[in-house]
PDB file of N, CA and C in Angstrom:
ATOM      1  N   MET A   1       0.862  -1.236   0.046  1.00  0.00           N
ATOM      2  CA  MET A   1       0.012  -0.020   0.046  1.00  0.00           C
ATOM      3  C   MET A   1       0.935   1.237   0.045  1.00  0.00           C
ATOM      4  N   LYS A   2       1.908   1.261   0.879  1.00  0.00           N
ATOM      5  CA  LYS A   2       2.817   2.301   0.926  1.00  0.00           C
ATOM      6  C   LYS A   2       3.527   2.638  -0.395  1.00  0.00           C
ATOM      7  N   LYS A   3       3.903   1.559  -1.167  1.00  0.00           N
ATOM      8  CA  LYS A   3       4.585   1.510  -2.392  1.00  0.00           C
ATOM      9  C   LYS A   3       3.582   2.380  -3.332  1.00  0.00           C
ATOM     10  N   ILE A   4       2.231   1.972  -3.440  1.00  0.00           N
ATOM     11  CA  ILE A   4       1.445   2.838  -4.223  1.00  0.00           C
ATOM     12  C   ILE A   4       1.277   4.291  -3.981  1.00  0.00           C
ATOM     13  N   ILE A   5       1.033   4.490  -2.520  1.00  0.00           N
ATOM     14  CA  ILE A   5       0.881   5.988  -2.259  1.00  0.00           C
ATOM     15  C   ILE A   5       2.323   6.687  -2.697  1.00  0.00           C
ATOM     16  N   ARG A   6       3.498   6.127  -2.382  1.00  0.00           N
ATOM     17  CA  ARG A   6       4.667   6.728  -2.801  1.00  0.00           C
ATOM     18  C   ARG A   6       4.950   6.848  -4.283  1.00  0.00           C
ATOM     19  N   ALA A   7       4.412   5.844  -5.182  1.00  0.00           N
ATOM     20  CA  ALA A   7       4.462   6.009  -6.599  1.00  0.00           C
ATOM     21  C   ALA A   7       3.586   7.138  -7.036  1.00  0.00           C
ATOM     22  N   SER A   8       2.370   7.146  -6.449  1.00  0.00           N
ATOM     23  CA  SER A   8       1.418   8.173  -6.605  1.00  0.00           C
ATOM     24  C   SER A   8       2.060   9.549  -6.278  1.00  0.00           C
ATOM     25  N   ALA A   9       2.818   9.639  -5.328  1.00  0.00           N
ATOM     26  CA  ALA A   9       3.311  10.971  -4.807  1.00  0.00           C
ATOM     27  C   ALA A   9       4.451  11.249  -5.948  1.00  0.00           C
ATOM     28  N   LEU A  10       5.090  10.484  -6.420  1.00  0.00           N
ATOM     29  CA  LEU A  10       6.297  10.650  -7.310  1.00  0.00           C
ATOM     30  C   LEU A  10       5.505  11.196  -8.580  1.00  0.00           C
ATOM     31  N   VAL A  11       4.393  10.581  -9.072  1.00  0.00           N
ATOM     32  CA  VAL A  11       3.863  11.040 -10.314  1.00  0.00           C
ATOM     33  C   VAL A  11       3.275  12.596 -10.002  1.00  0.00           C
ATOM     34  N   ALA A  12       2.676  12.748  -8.860  1.00  0.00           N
ATOM     35  CA  ALA A  12       2.131  14.120  -8.591  1.00  0.00           C
ATOM     36  C   ALA A  12       3.386  15.091  -8.634  1.00  0.00           C
ATOM     37  N   VAL A  13       4.577  14.560  -7.918  1.00  0.00           N
ATOM     38  CA  VAL A  13       5.599  15.592  -7.814  1.00  0.00           C
ATOM     39  C   VAL A  13       6.235  15.905  -9.266  1.00  0.00           C
ATOM     40  N   LEU A  14       6.521  14.864 -10.035  1.00  0.00           N
ATOM     41  CA  LEU A  14       6.950  15.043 -11.339  1.00  0.00           C
ATOM     42  C   LEU A  14       5.893  15.974 -12.306  1.00  0.00           C
ATOM     43  N   LEU A  15       4.700  15.776 -12.072  1.00  0.00           N
ATOM     44  CA  LEU A  15       3.724  16.652 -12.652  1.00  0.00           C
ATOM     45  C   LEU A  15       3.886  18.176 -12.204  1.00  0.00           C
ATOM     46  N   ALA A  16       4.158  18.257 -10.855  1.00  0.00           N
ATOM     47  CA  ALA A  16       4.106  19.654 -10.387  1.00  0.00           C
ATOM     48  C   ALA A  16       5.475  20.422 -10.774  1.00  0.00           C
ATOM     49  N   VAL A  17       6.478  19.517 -10.785  1.00  0.00           N
ATOM     50  CA  VAL A  17       7.728  20.169 -11.235  1.00  0.00           C
ATOM     51  C   VAL A  17       7.847  20.521 -12.772  1.00  0.00           C
ATOM     52  N   GLY A  18       7.128  19.633 -13.424  1.00  0.00           N
ATOM     53  CA  GLY A  18       6.970  19.996 -15.093  1.00  0.00           C
ATOM     54  C   GLY A  18       6.212  21.176 -15.141  1.00  0.00           C
ATOM     55  N   ALA A  19       4.959  21.412 -14.375  1.00  0.00           N
ATOM     56  CA  ALA A  19       4.233  22.484 -14.376  1.00  0.00           C
ATOM     57  C   ALA A  19       4.903  23.730 -13.999  1.00  0.00           C
ATOM     58  N   VAL A  20       5.619  23.686 -12.983  1.00  0.00           N
ATOM     59  CA  VAL A  20       6.390  24.764 -12.421  1.00  0.00           C
ATOM     60  C   VAL A  20       7.413  25.243 -13.408  1.00  0.00           C
ATOM     61  N   LEU A  21       7.985  24.271 -14.227  1.00  0.00           N
ATOM     62  CA  LEU A  21       9.068  24.779 -15.170  1.00  0.00           C
ATOM     63  C   LEU A  21       8.377  25.061 -16.498  1.00  0.00           C
ATOM     64  N   TYR A  22       7.358  24.563 -16.670  1.00  0.00           N
ATOM     65  CA  TYR A  22       6.471  25.062 -17.954  1.00  0.00           C
ATOM     66  C   TYR A  22       6.090  26.607 -17.666  1.00  0.00           C
ATOM     67  N   LEU A  23       5.713  26.931 -16.607  1.00  0.00           N
ATOM     68  CA  LEU A  23       5.109  28.140 -16.184  1.00  0.00           C
ATOM     69  C   LEU A  23       6.292  29.190 -15.963  1.00  0.00           C
ATOM     70  N   SER A  24       7.385  28.771 -15.824  1.00  0.00           N
ATOM     71  CA  SER A  24       8.463  29.595 -15.252  1.00  0.00           C
ATOM     72  C   SER A  24       9.238  30.171 -16.452  1.00  0.00           C
ATOM     73  N   ASP A  25      10.138  31.034 -16.062  1.00  0.00           N
ATOM     74  CA  ASP A  25      10.970  31.712 -17.027  1.00  0.00           C
ATOM     75  C   ASP A  25      11.742  30.838 -17.940  1.00  0.00           C
ATOM     76  N   PHE A  26      11.789  29.563 -17.699  1.00  0.00           N
ATOM     77  CA  PHE A  26      12.665  28.647 -18.564  1.00  0.00           C
ATOM     78  C   PHE A  26      11.937  28.049 -19.657  1.00  0.00           C
ATOM     79  N   SER A  27      10.677  28.381 -19.628  1.00  0.00           N
ATOM     80  CA  SER A  27       9.654  27.790 -20.672  1.00  0.00           C
ATOM     81  C   SER A  27      10.309  28.077 -22.080  1.00  0.00           C
ATOM     82  N   ARG A  28      10.019  27.410 -22.961  1.00  0.00           N
ATOM     83  CA  ARG A  28      10.505  27.599 -24.426  1.00  0.00           C
ATOM     84  C   ARG A  28       9.243  27.855 -25.244  1.00  0.00           C
ATOM     85  N   SER A  29       9.595  28.293 -26.460  1.00  0.00           N
ATOM     86  CA  SER A  29       8.339  28.554 -27.467  1.00  0.00           C
ATOM     87  C   SER A  29       7.752  27.162 -27.831  1.00  0.00           C
ATOM     88  N   LEU A  30       8.731  26.210 -27.887  1.00  0.00           N
ATOM     89  CA  LEU A  30       8.395  24.862 -28.202  1.00  0.00           C
ATOM     90  C   LEU A  30       7.609  24.135 -26.956  1.00  0.00           C
ATOM     91  N   PRO A  31       6.604  23.444 -27.146  1.00  0.00           N
ATOM     92  CA  PRO A  31       5.863  22.739 -26.086  1.00  0.00           C
ATOM     93  C   PRO A  31       6.913  21.953 -25.130  1.00  0.00           C
ATOM     94  N   SER A  32       6.669  22.073 -23.856  1.00  0.00           N
ATOM     95  CA  SER A  32       7.652  21.566 -22.895  1.00  0.00           C
ATOM     96  C   SER A  32       6.761  20.392 -22.296  1.00  0.00           C
ATOM     97  N   LYS A  33       7.409  19.213 -22.047  1.00  0.00           N
ATOM     98  CA  LYS A  33       6.758  18.163 -21.689  1.00  0.00           C
ATOM     99  C   LYS A  33       7.451  17.430 -20.390  1.00  0.00           C
ATOM    100  N   CYS A  34       6.652  16.864 -19.428  1.00  0.00           N
ATOM    101  CA  CYS A  34       7.187  15.818 -18.616  1.00  0.00           C
ATOM    102  C   CYS A  34       6.407  14.806 -18.596  1.00  0.00           C
ATOM    103  N   ASP A  35       6.632  13.635 -19.191  1.00  0.00           N
ATOM    104  CA  ASP A  35       5.785  12.406 -19.235  1.00  0.00           C
ATOM    105  C   ASP A  35       6.047  11.721 -17.861  1.00  0.00           C
ATOM    106  N   ALA A  36       5.472  11.892 -16.820  1.00  0.00           N
ATOM    107  CA  ALA A  36       5.883  11.217 -15.641  1.00  0.00           C
ATOM    108  C   ALA A  36       5.682   9.709 -15.516  1.00  0.00           C
ATOM    109  N   PRO A  37       4.667   9.125 -16.118  1.00  0.00           N
ATOM    110  CA  PRO A  37       4.558   7.826 -16.310  1.00  0.00           C
ATOM    111  C   PRO A  37       5.606   7.016 -16.865  1.00  0.00           C
ATOM    112  N   LYS A  38       6.128   7.639 -18.134  1.00  0.00           N
ATOM    113  CA  LYS A  38       7.413   7.192 -18.785  1.00  0.00           C
ATOM    114  C   LYS A  38       8.613   7.321 -18.076  1.00  0.00           C
ATOM    115  N   VAL A  39       8.766   8.351 -17.246  1.00  0.00           N
ATOM    116  CA  VAL A  39       9.925   8.435 -16.336  1.00  0.00           C
ATOM    117  C   VAL A  39       9.851   7.365 -15.349  1.00  0.00           C
ATOM    118  N   MET A  40       8.810   7.269 -14.682  1.00  0.00           N
ATOM    119  CA  MET A  40       8.668   6.102 -13.677  1.00  0.00           C
ATOM    120  C   MET A  40       8.915   4.723 -14.310  1.00  0.00           C
ATOM    121  N   ALA A  41       8.551   4.446 -15.489  1.00  0.00           N
ATOM    122  CA  ALA A  41       8.614   3.186 -16.120  1.00  0.00           C
ATOM    123  C   ALA A  41      10.259   3.147 -16.526  1.00  0.00           C
ATOM    124  N   ALA A  42      10.866   4.228 -16.882  1.00  0.00           N
ATOM    125  CA  ALA A  42      12.289   4.225 -17.336  1.00  0.00           C
ATOM    126  C   ALA A  42      13.036   3.818 -16.059  1.00  0.00           C
ATOM    127  N   VAL A  43      12.810   4.487 -14.977  1.00  0.00           N
ATOM    128  CA  VAL A  43      13.558   4.211 -13.719  1.00  0.00           C
ATOM    129  C   VAL A  43      13.337   2.854 -13.250  1.00  0.00           C
ATOM    130  N   GLN A  44      12.179   2.295 -13.296  1.00  0.00           N
ATOM    131  CA  GLN A  44      11.943   0.685 -12.972  1.00  0.00           C
ATOM    132  C   GLN A  44      12.765  -0.145 -13.913  1.00  0.00           C
ATOM    133  N   THR A  45      12.602   0.168 -15.188  1.00  0.00           N
ATOM    134  CA  THR A  45      13.419  -0.728 -16.064  1.00  0.00           C
ATOM    135  C   THR A  45      15.007  -0.560 -15.769  1.00  0.00           C
ATOM    136  N   TYR A  46      15.347   0.645 -15.636  1.00  0.00           N
ATOM    137  CA  TYR A  46      16.916   0.819 -15.360  1.00  0.00           C
ATOM    138  C   TYR A  46      17.367   0.018 -14.056  1.00  0.00           C
ATOM    139  N   LYS A  47      16.406   0.137 -13.029  1.00  0.00           N
ATOM    140  CA  LYS A  47      16.796  -0.703 -11.785  1.00  0.00           C
ATOM    141  C   LYS A  47      16.865  -2.242 -12.267  1.00  0.00           C
ATOM    142  N   THR A  48      15.778  -2.534 -13.030  1.00  0.00           N
ATOM    143  CA  THR A  48      15.756  -4.013 -13.225  1.00  0.00           C
ATOM    144  C   THR A  48      17.081  -4.442 -14.045  1.00  0.00           C
ATOM    145  N   GLN A  49      17.536  -3.578 -14.958  1.00  0.00           N
ATOM    146  CA  GLN A  49      18.639  -4.042 -15.817  1.00  0.00           C
ATOM    147  C   GLN A  49      19.838  -3.940 -14.880  1.00  0.00           C
ATOM    148  N   LEU A  50      20.059  -3.105 -14.012  1.00  0.00           N
ATOM    149  CA  LEU A  50      21.222  -3.096 -13.131  1.00  0.00           C
ATOM    150  C   LEU A  50      21.206  -4.305 -12.119  1.00  0.00           C
ATOM    151  N   LYS A  51      20.095  -4.586 -11.688  1.00  0.00           N
ATOM    152  CA  LYS A  51      20.053  -5.803 -10.808  1.00  0.00           C
ATOM    153  C   LYS A  51      20.337  -7.062 -11.509  1.00  0.00           C
ATOM    154  N   SER A  52      19.753  -7.157 -12.747  1.00  0.00           N
ATOM    155  CA  SER A  52      20.084  -8.401 -13.467  1.00  0.00           C
ATOM    156  C   SER A  52      21.606  -8.548 -13.816  1.00  0.00           C
ATOM    157  N   LYS A  53      22.214  -7.448 -13.977  1.00  0.00           N
ATOM    158  CA  LYS A  53      23.622  -7.499 -14.168  1.00  0.00           C
ATOM    159  C   LYS A  53      24.310  -7.648 -12.910  1.00  0.00           C
ATOM    160  N   GLY A  54      23.750  -7.711 -11.672  1.00  0.00           N
ATOM    161  CA  GLY A  54      24.434  -7.800 -10.448  1.00  0.00           C
ATOM    162  C   GLY A  54      25.129  -6.594 -10.026  1.00  0.00           C
ATOM    163  N   VAL A  55      24.880  -5.429 -10.498  1.00  0.00           N
ATOM    164  CA  VAL A  55      25.355  -4.240 -10.386  1.00  0.00           C
ATOM    165  C   VAL A  55      24.689  -3.611  -9.058  1.00  0.00           C
ATOM    166  N   THR A  56      25.333  -3.040  -8.172  1.00  0.00           N
ATOM    167  CA  THR A  56      24.841  -2.265  -7.074  1.00  0.00           C
ATOM    168  C   THR A  56      24.067  -1.018  -7.329  1.00  0.00           C
ATOM    169  N   LEU A  57      22.886  -0.760  -7.054  1.00  0.00           N
ATOM    170  CA  LEU A  57      22.240   0.267  -7.485  1.00  0.00           C
ATOM    171  C   LEU A  57      22.719   1.638  -6.756  1.00  0.00           C
ATOM    172  N   PRO A  58      23.064   2.548  -7.434  1.00  0.00           N
ATOM    173  CA  PRO A  58      23.431   3.925  -7.140  1.00  0.00           C
ATOM    174  C   PRO A  58      22.113   4.498  -6.324  1.00  0.00           C
ATOM    175  N   ASP A  59      22.243   5.629  -5.784  1.00  0.00           N
ATOM    176  CA  ASP A  59      21.125   6.250  -4.967  1.00  0.00           C
ATOM    177  C   ASP A  59      20.246   6.868  -6.115  1.00  0.00           C
ATOM    178  N   SER A  60      20.692   7.457  -7.103  1.00  0.00           N
ATOM    179  CA  SER A  60      19.991   8.037  -8.035  1.00  0.00           C
ATOM    180  C   SER A  60      20.363   7.760  -9.514  1.00  0.00           C
ATOM    181  N   VAL A  61      19.595   8.208 -10.362  1.00  0.00           N
ATOM    182  CA  VAL A  61      20.012   8.047 -11.896  1.00  0.00           C
ATOM    183  C   VAL A  61      19.606   9.636 -12.422  1.00  0.00           C
ATOM    184  N   ASN A  62      20.463   9.861 -13.407  1.00  0.00           N
ATOM    185  CA  ASN A  62      20.331  11.165 -14.135  1.00  0.00           C
ATOM    186  C   ASN A  62      19.198  10.869 -15.268  1.00  0.00           C
ATOM    187  N   LEU A  63      18.474  11.719 -15.645  1.00  0.00           N
ATOM    188  CA  LEU A  63      17.683  11.570 -16.897  1.00  0.00           C
ATOM    189  C   LEU A  63      18.311  11.457 -18.074  1.00  0.00           C
ATOM    190  N   GLN A  64      19.539  12.099 -18.154  1.00  0.00           N
ATOM    191  CA  GLN A  64      20.345  11.932 -19.458  1.00  0.00           C
ATOM    192  C   GLN A  64      20.803  10.463 -19.592  1.00  0.00           C
ATOM    193  N   THR A  65      21.153   9.700 -18.390  1.00  0.00           N
ATOM    194  CA  THR A  65      21.486   8.324 -18.378  1.00  0.00           C
ATOM    195  C   THR A  65      20.272   7.663 -19.022  1.00  0.00           C
ATOM    196  N   LEU A  66      19.204   7.688 -18.462  1.00  0.00           N
ATOM    197  CA  LEU A  66      17.944   7.034 -19.008  1.00  0.00           C
ATOM    198  C   LEU A  66      17.652   7.418 -20.642  1.00  0.00           C
ATOM    199  N   ILE A  67      17.938   8.605 -20.957  1.00  0.00           N
ATOM    200  CA  ILE A  67      17.914   8.783 -22.432  1.00  0.00           C
ATOM    201  C   ILE A  67      18.964   8.099 -23.133  1.00  0.00           C
ATOM    202  N   ALA A  68      20.250   8.163 -22.696  1.00  0.00           N
ATOM    203  CA  ALA A  68      21.327   7.363 -23.239  1.00  0.00           C
ATOM    204  C   ALA A  68      21.058   5.932 -23.440  1.00  0.00           C
ATOM    205  N   ASN A  69      20.426   5.343 -22.542  1.00  0.00           N
ATOM    206  CA  ASN A  69      20.036   4.024 -22.399  1.00  0.00           C
ATOM    207  C   ASN A  69      18.663   3.649 -23.278  1.00  0.00           C
ATOM    208  N   GLY A  70      18.206   4.571 -23.969  1.00  0.00           N
ATOM    209  CA  GLY A  70      17.118   4.185 -24.671  1.00  0.00           C
ATOM    210  C   GLY A  70      15.695   4.064 -23.924  1.00  0.00           C
ATOM    211  N   LEU A  71      15.870   4.333 -22.702  1.00  0.00           N
ATOM    212  CA  LEU A  71      14.713   4.116 -21.794  1.00  0.00           C
ATOM    213  C   LEU A  71      13.715   5.384 -21.901  1.00  0.00           C
ATOM    214  N   LEU A  72      14.283   6.473 -22.266  1.00  0.00           N
ATOM    215  CA  LEU A  72      13.384   7.634 -22.330  1.00  0.00           C
ATOM    216  C   LEU A  72      13.650   8.439 -23.612  1.00  0.00           C
ATOM    217  N   ARG A  73      12.940   9.179 -24.195  1.00  0.00           N
ATOM    218  CA  ARG A  73      13.321  10.121 -25.236  1.00  0.00           C
ATOM    219  C   ARG A  73      13.334  11.480 -24.660  1.00  0.00           C
ATOM    220  N   SER A  74      14.210  12.213 -25.258  1.00  0.00           N
ATOM    221  CA  SER A  74      14.341  13.652 -24.784  1.00  0.00           C
ATOM    222  C   SER A  74      13.111  14.458 -24.769  1.00  0.00           C
ATOM    223  N   GLU A  75      12.174  14.065 -25.931  1.00  0.00           N
ATOM    224  CA  GLU A  75      10.954  14.635 -26.058  1.00  0.00           C
ATOM    225  C   GLU A  75       9.866  14.344 -24.707  1.00  0.00           C
ATOM    226  N   ASP A  76      10.286  13.265 -24.182  1.00  0.00           N
ATOM    227  CA  ASP A  76       9.516  12.825 -23.004  1.00  0.00           C
ATOM    228  C   ASP A  76       9.653  13.720 -21.731  1.00  0.00           C
ATOM    229  N   VAL A  77      10.836  14.417 -21.676  1.00  0.00           N
ATOM    230  CA  VAL A  77      11.180  15.207 -20.526  1.00  0.00           C
ATOM    231  C   VAL A  77      11.710  16.487 -20.957  1.00  0.00           C
ATOM    232  N   SER A  78      11.173  16.996 -22.147  1.00  0.00           N
ATOM    233  CA  SER A  78      11.607  18.305 -22.800  1.00  0.00           C
ATOM    234  C   SER A  78      11.459  19.563 -21.777  1.00  0.00           C
ATOM    235  N   ALA A  79      10.609  19.331 -20.690  1.00  0.00           N
ATOM    236  CA  ALA A  79      10.450  20.571 -19.817  1.00  0.00           C
ATOM    237  C   ALA A  79      11.757  20.625 -19.011  1.00  0.00           C
ATOM    238  N   PHE A  80      12.544  19.625 -19.070  1.00  0.00           N
ATOM    239  CA  PHE A  80      13.891  19.762 -18.161  1.00  0.00           C
ATOM    240  C   PHE A  80      15.184  19.879 -19.118  1.00  0.00           C
ATOM    241  N   GLN A  81      14.919  20.606 -20.269  1.00  0.00           N
ATOM    242  CA  GLN A  81      15.987  20.736 -21.237  1.00  0.00           C
ATOM    243  C   GLN A  81      16.993  21.755 -20.532  1.00  0.00           C
ATOM    244  N   GLY A  82      18.225  21.397 -20.762  1.00  0.00           N
ATOM    245  CA  GLY A  82      19.197  22.376 -20.110  1.00  0.00           C
ATOM    246  C   GLY A  82      19.432  22.188 -18.573  1.00  0.00           C
ATOM    247  N   MET A  83      18.828  21.323 -17.968  1.00  0.00           N
ATOM    248  CA  MET A  83      18.896  21.034 -16.357  1.00  0.00           C
ATOM    249  C   MET A  83      19.516  19.671 -16.131  1.00  0.00           C
ATOM    250  N   ASN A  84      20.172  19.642 -15.254  1.00  0.00           N
ATOM    251  CA  ASN A  84      20.546  18.447 -14.555  1.00  0.00           C
ATOM    252  C   ASN A  84      19.605  17.813 -13.515  1.00  0.00           C
ATOM    253  N   VAL A  85      18.987  16.564 -14.207  1.00  0.00           N
ATOM    254  CA  VAL A  85      17.772  16.097 -13.278  1.00  0.00           C
ATOM    255  C   VAL A  85      18.132  14.778 -12.907  1.00  0.00           C
ATOM    256  N   THR A  86      17.970  14.329 -11.583  1.00  0.00           N
ATOM    257  CA  THR A  86      18.211  13.142 -11.013  1.00  0.00           C
ATOM    258  C   THR A  86      16.833  12.596 -10.374  1.00  0.00           C
ATOM    259  N   VAL A  87      16.702  11.248 -10.385  1.00  0.00           N
ATOM    260  CA  VAL A  87      15.624  10.694  -9.656  1.00  0.00           C
ATOM    261  C   VAL A  87      16.123   9.476  -8.907  1.00  0.00           C
ATOM    262  N   THR A  88      15.513   9.524  -7.542  1.00  0.00           N
ATOM    263  CA  THR A  88      16.120   8.495  -6.721  1.00  0.00           C
ATOM    264  C   THR A  88      15.813   7.072  -7.347  1.00  0.00           C
ATOM    265  N   LEU A  89      16.640   6.068  -6.874  1.00  0.00           N
ATOM    266  CA  LEU A  89      16.468   4.840  -7.215  1.00  0.00           C
ATOM    267  C   LEU A  89      16.225   3.992  -5.878  1.00  0.00           C
ATOM    268  N   ASN A  90      16.228   4.553  -4.894  1.00  0.00           N
ATOM    269  CA  ASN A  90      15.849   3.907  -3.526  1.00  0.00           C
ATOM    270  C   ASN A  90      14.581   3.374  -3.601  1.00  0.00           C
ATOM    271  N   SER A  91      14.269   2.397  -2.821  1.00  0.00           N
ATOM    272  CA  SER A  91      12.921   1.624  -2.642  1.00  0.00           C
ATOM    273  C   SER A  91      12.204   2.635  -1.957  1.00  0.00           C
ATOM    274  N   PRO A  92      10.896   2.624  -2.163  1.00  0.00           N
ATOM    275  CA  PRO A  92       9.920   3.592  -1.492  1.00  0.00           C
ATOM    276  C   PRO A  92       9.742   3.196  -0.067  1.00  0.00           C
ATOM    277  N   GLN A  93       9.948   2.073   0.159  1.00  0.00           N
ATOM    278  CA  GLN A  93       9.939   1.587   1.641  1.00  0.00           C
ATOM    279  C   GLN A  93      11.128   2.143   2.489  1.00  0.00           C
ATOM    280  N   ALA A  94      12.056   2.442   1.768  1.00  0.00           N
ATOM    281  CA  ALA A  94      13.358   3.030   2.490  1.00  0.00           C
ATOM    282  C   ALA A  94      13.519   4.550   2.652  1.00  0.00           C
ATOM    283  N   LEU A  95      12.447   5.172   2.122  1.00  0.00           N
ATOM    284  CA  LEU A  95      12.412   6.521   2.178  1.00  0.00           C
ATOM    285  C   LEU A  95      11.258   7.129   3.245  1.00  0.00           C
ATOM    286  N   GLY A  96      11.752   8.323   3.817  1.00  0.00           N
ATOM    287  CA  GLY A  96      10.896   8.961   4.846  1.00  0.00           C
ATOM    288  C   GLY A  96      10.444  10.047   4.153  1.00  0.00           C
ATOM    289  N   PRO A  97       9.290  10.775   4.875  1.00  0.00           N
ATOM    290  CA  PRO A  97       8.507  11.698   4.120  1.00  0.00           C
ATOM    291  C   PRO A  97       9.340  12.964   3.707  1.00  0.00           C
ATOM    292  N   GLN A  98      10.341  13.275   4.155  1.00  0.00           N
ATOM    293  CA  GLN A  98      11.395  14.441   3.925  1.00  0.00           C
ATOM    294  C   GLN A  98      12.397  14.041   2.842  1.00  0.00           C
ATOM    295  N   ASP A  99      12.396  12.610   2.325  1.00  0.00           N
ATOM    296  CA  ASP A  99      13.430  12.464   1.461  1.00  0.00           C
ATOM    297  C   ASP A  99      13.308  12.935  -0.048  1.00  0.00           C
ATOM    298  N   VAL A 100      14.381  13.057  -0.795  1.00  0.00           N
ATOM    299  CA  VAL A 100      14.305  13.624  -2.022  1.00  0.00           C
ATOM    300  C   VAL A 100      14.033  12.435  -3.087  1.00  0.00           C
ATOM    301  N   LEU A 101      12.895  12.744  -3.904  1.00  0.00           N
ATOM    302  CA  LEU A 101      12.734  11.798  -4.849  1.00  0.00           C
ATOM    303  C   LEU A 101      13.275  12.251  -6.183  1.00  0.00           C
ATOM    304  N   MET A 102      13.358  13.400  -6.479  1.00  0.00           N
ATOM    305  CA  MET A 102      13.878  14.103  -7.648  1.00  0.00           C
ATOM    306  C   MET A 102      14.535  15.474  -7.444  1.00  0.00           C
ATOM    307  N   ARG A 103      15.633  15.676  -8.220  1.00  0.00           N
ATOM    308  CA  ARG A 103      16.343  16.999  -7.862  1.00  0.00           C
ATOM    309  C   ARG A 103      16.696  17.354  -9.427  1.00  0.00           C
ATOM    310  N   ALA A 104      16.246  18.774  -9.520  1.00  0.00           N
ATOM    311  CA  ALA A 104      16.399  19.360 -10.886  1.00  0.00           C
ATOM    312  C   ALA A 104      17.326  20.659 -10.519  1.00  0.00           C
ATOM    313  N   ARG A 105      18.503  20.629 -11.105  1.00  0.00           N
ATOM    314  CA  ARG A 105      19.409  21.779 -11.116  1.00  0.00           C
ATOM    315  C   ARG A 105      19.222  22.747 -12.359  1.00  0.00           C
ATOM    316  N   LEU A 106      18.748  23.796 -12.181  1.00  0.00           N
ATOM    317  CA  LEU A 106      18.383  24.887 -13.163  1.00  0.00           C
ATOM    318  C   LEU A 106      19.672  25.539 -13.673  1.00  0.00           C
ATOM    319  N   PRO A 107      19.518  26.149 -14.823  1.00  0.00           N
ATOM    320  CA  PRO A 107      20.871  26.756 -15.410  1.00  0.00           C
ATOM    321  C   PRO A 107      21.511  27.990 -14.488  1.00  0.00           C
ATOM    322  N   ASP A 108      20.801  28.586 -13.674  1.00  0.00           N
ATOM    323  CA  ASP A 108      21.075  29.520 -12.798  1.00  0.00           C
ATOM    324  C   ASP A 108      21.687  28.990 -11.483  1.00  0.00           C
ATOM    325  N   GLY A 109      21.671  27.667 -11.342  1.00  0.00           N
ATOM    326  CA  GLY A 109      22.198  27.138 -10.169  1.00  0.00           C
ATOM    327  C   GLY A 109      21.159  26.721  -9.068  1.00  0.00           C
ATOM    328  N   THR A 110      20.110  27.378  -9.304  1.00  0.00           N
ATOM    329  CA  THR A 110      18.923  26.970  -8.349  1.00  0.00           C
ATOM    330  C   THR A 110      18.579  25.514  -8.420  1.00  0.00           C
ATOM    331  N   GLU A 111      18.287  24.755  -7.404  1.00  0.00           N
ATOM    332  CA  GLU A 111      17.870  23.494  -7.424  1.00  0.00           C
ATOM    333  C   GLU A 111      16.144  23.367  -6.966  1.00  0.00           C
ATOM    334  N   LEU A 112      15.594  22.543  -7.601  1.00  0.00           N
ATOM    335  CA  LEU A 112      14.295  22.276  -7.235  1.00  0.00           C
ATOM    336  C   LEU A 112      14.212  20.692  -6.803  1.00  0.00           C
ATOM    337  N   VAL A 113      13.706  20.634  -5.585  1.00  0.00           N
ATOM    338  CA  VAL A 113      13.638  19.196  -4.960  1.00  0.00           C
ATOM    339  C   VAL A 113      12.371  18.826  -4.857  1.00  0.00           C
ATOM    340  N   ALA A 114      12.094  17.595  -5.148  1.00  0.00           N
ATOM    341  CA  ALA A 114      10.582  17.007  -4.958  1.00  0.00           C
ATOM    342  C   ALA A 114      10.909  15.990  -4.010  1.00  0.00           C
ATOM    343  N   LEU A 115      10.085  16.053  -2.796  1.00  0.00           N
ATOM    344  CA  LEU A 115      10.133  15.397  -1.651  1.00  0.00           C
ATOM    345  C   LEU A 115       9.036  14.218  -1.823  1.00  0.00           C
ATOM    346  N   THR A 116       9.367  13.184  -0.861  1.00  0.00           N
ATOM    347  CA  THR A 116       8.448  11.954  -0.971  1.00  0.00           C
ATOM    348  C   THR A 116       7.032  12.527  -0.168  1.00  0.00           C
ATOM    349  N   ASP A 117       6.948  13.656   0.399  1.00  0.00           N
ATOM    350  CA  ASP A 117       5.583  13.990   0.932  1.00  0.00           C
ATOM    351  C   ASP A 117       4.774  14.948  -0.081  1.00  0.00           C
ATOM    352  N   GLY A 118       5.373  14.915  -1.276  1.00  0.00           N
ATOM    353  CA  GLY A 118       4.601  15.480  -2.330  1.00  0.00           C
ATOM    354  C   GLY A 118       4.966  16.920  -2.713  1.00  0.00           C
ATOM    355  N   SER A 119       5.716  17.609  -1.550  1.00  0.00           N
ATOM    356  CA  SER A 119       6.052  18.977  -1.859  1.00  0.00           C
ATOM    357  C   SER A 119       7.334  19.144  -2.946  1.00  0.00           C
ATOM    358  N   VAL A 120       7.426  20.358  -3.376  1.00  0.00           N
ATOM    359  CA  VAL A 120       8.542  20.762  -4.043  1.00  0.00           C
ATOM    360  C   VAL A 120       9.200  21.974  -3.532  1.00  0.00           C
ATOM    361  N   GLN A 121      10.574  21.900  -3.254  1.00  0.00           N
ATOM    362  CA  GLN A 121      11.130  23.091  -2.584  1.00  0.00           C
ATOM    363  C   GLN A 121      12.089  23.564  -3.484  1.00  0.00           C
ATOM    364  N   GLU A 122      12.374  24.865  -3.508  1.00  0.00           N
ATOM    365  CA  GLU A 122      13.512  25.620  -4.107  1.00  0.00           C
ATOM    366  C   GLU A 122      14.728  25.604  -3.165  1.00  0.00           C
ATOM    367  N   GLN A 123      15.857  25.458  -3.660  1.00  0.00           N
ATOM    368  CA  GLN A 123      17.006  25.613  -3.048  1.00  0.00           C
ATOM    369  C   GLN A 123      18.109  26.220  -3.772  1.00  0.00           C
ATOM    370  N   ARG A 124      18.792  27.264  -3.256  1.00  0.00           N
ATOM    371  CA  ARG A 124      19.673  28.083  -3.795  1.00  0.00           C
ATOM    372  C   ARG A 124      21.290  27.481  -3.434  1.00  0.00           C
ATOM    373  N   ARG A 125      22.168  27.430  -4.402  1.00  0.00           N
ATOM    374  CA  ARG A 125      23.338  26.948  -3.977  1.00  0.00           C
ATOM    375  C   ARG A 125      24.353  28.034  -4.051  1.00  0.00           C
TER     376      ARG A 125
END
């Protein structure tokens, strides 16, 4: 049950981050997109691939790695163009309500972090 709630929270957070980015100064004249279900599916496939190879899972994966491995298309996450975005690979059961699910570093150095409680926070570096 907790896994479903946390997966739903991840979808909500991805959509919220995508909406914030779409409405922010970083939006482009081209339509921006964040396909949260595709991101979630890509993360799960990536985890499965690493486990099948006997590789220890890192804490997170960069969206560019998922794109490079053919698990996502850049069009699926065009809202994050020009940003360094990572998504946690940790099991939902291992995460607390204030743990980071996703981190997006914007070109100006600002970071948006999506927490497991569904909130999105801005952090300046």
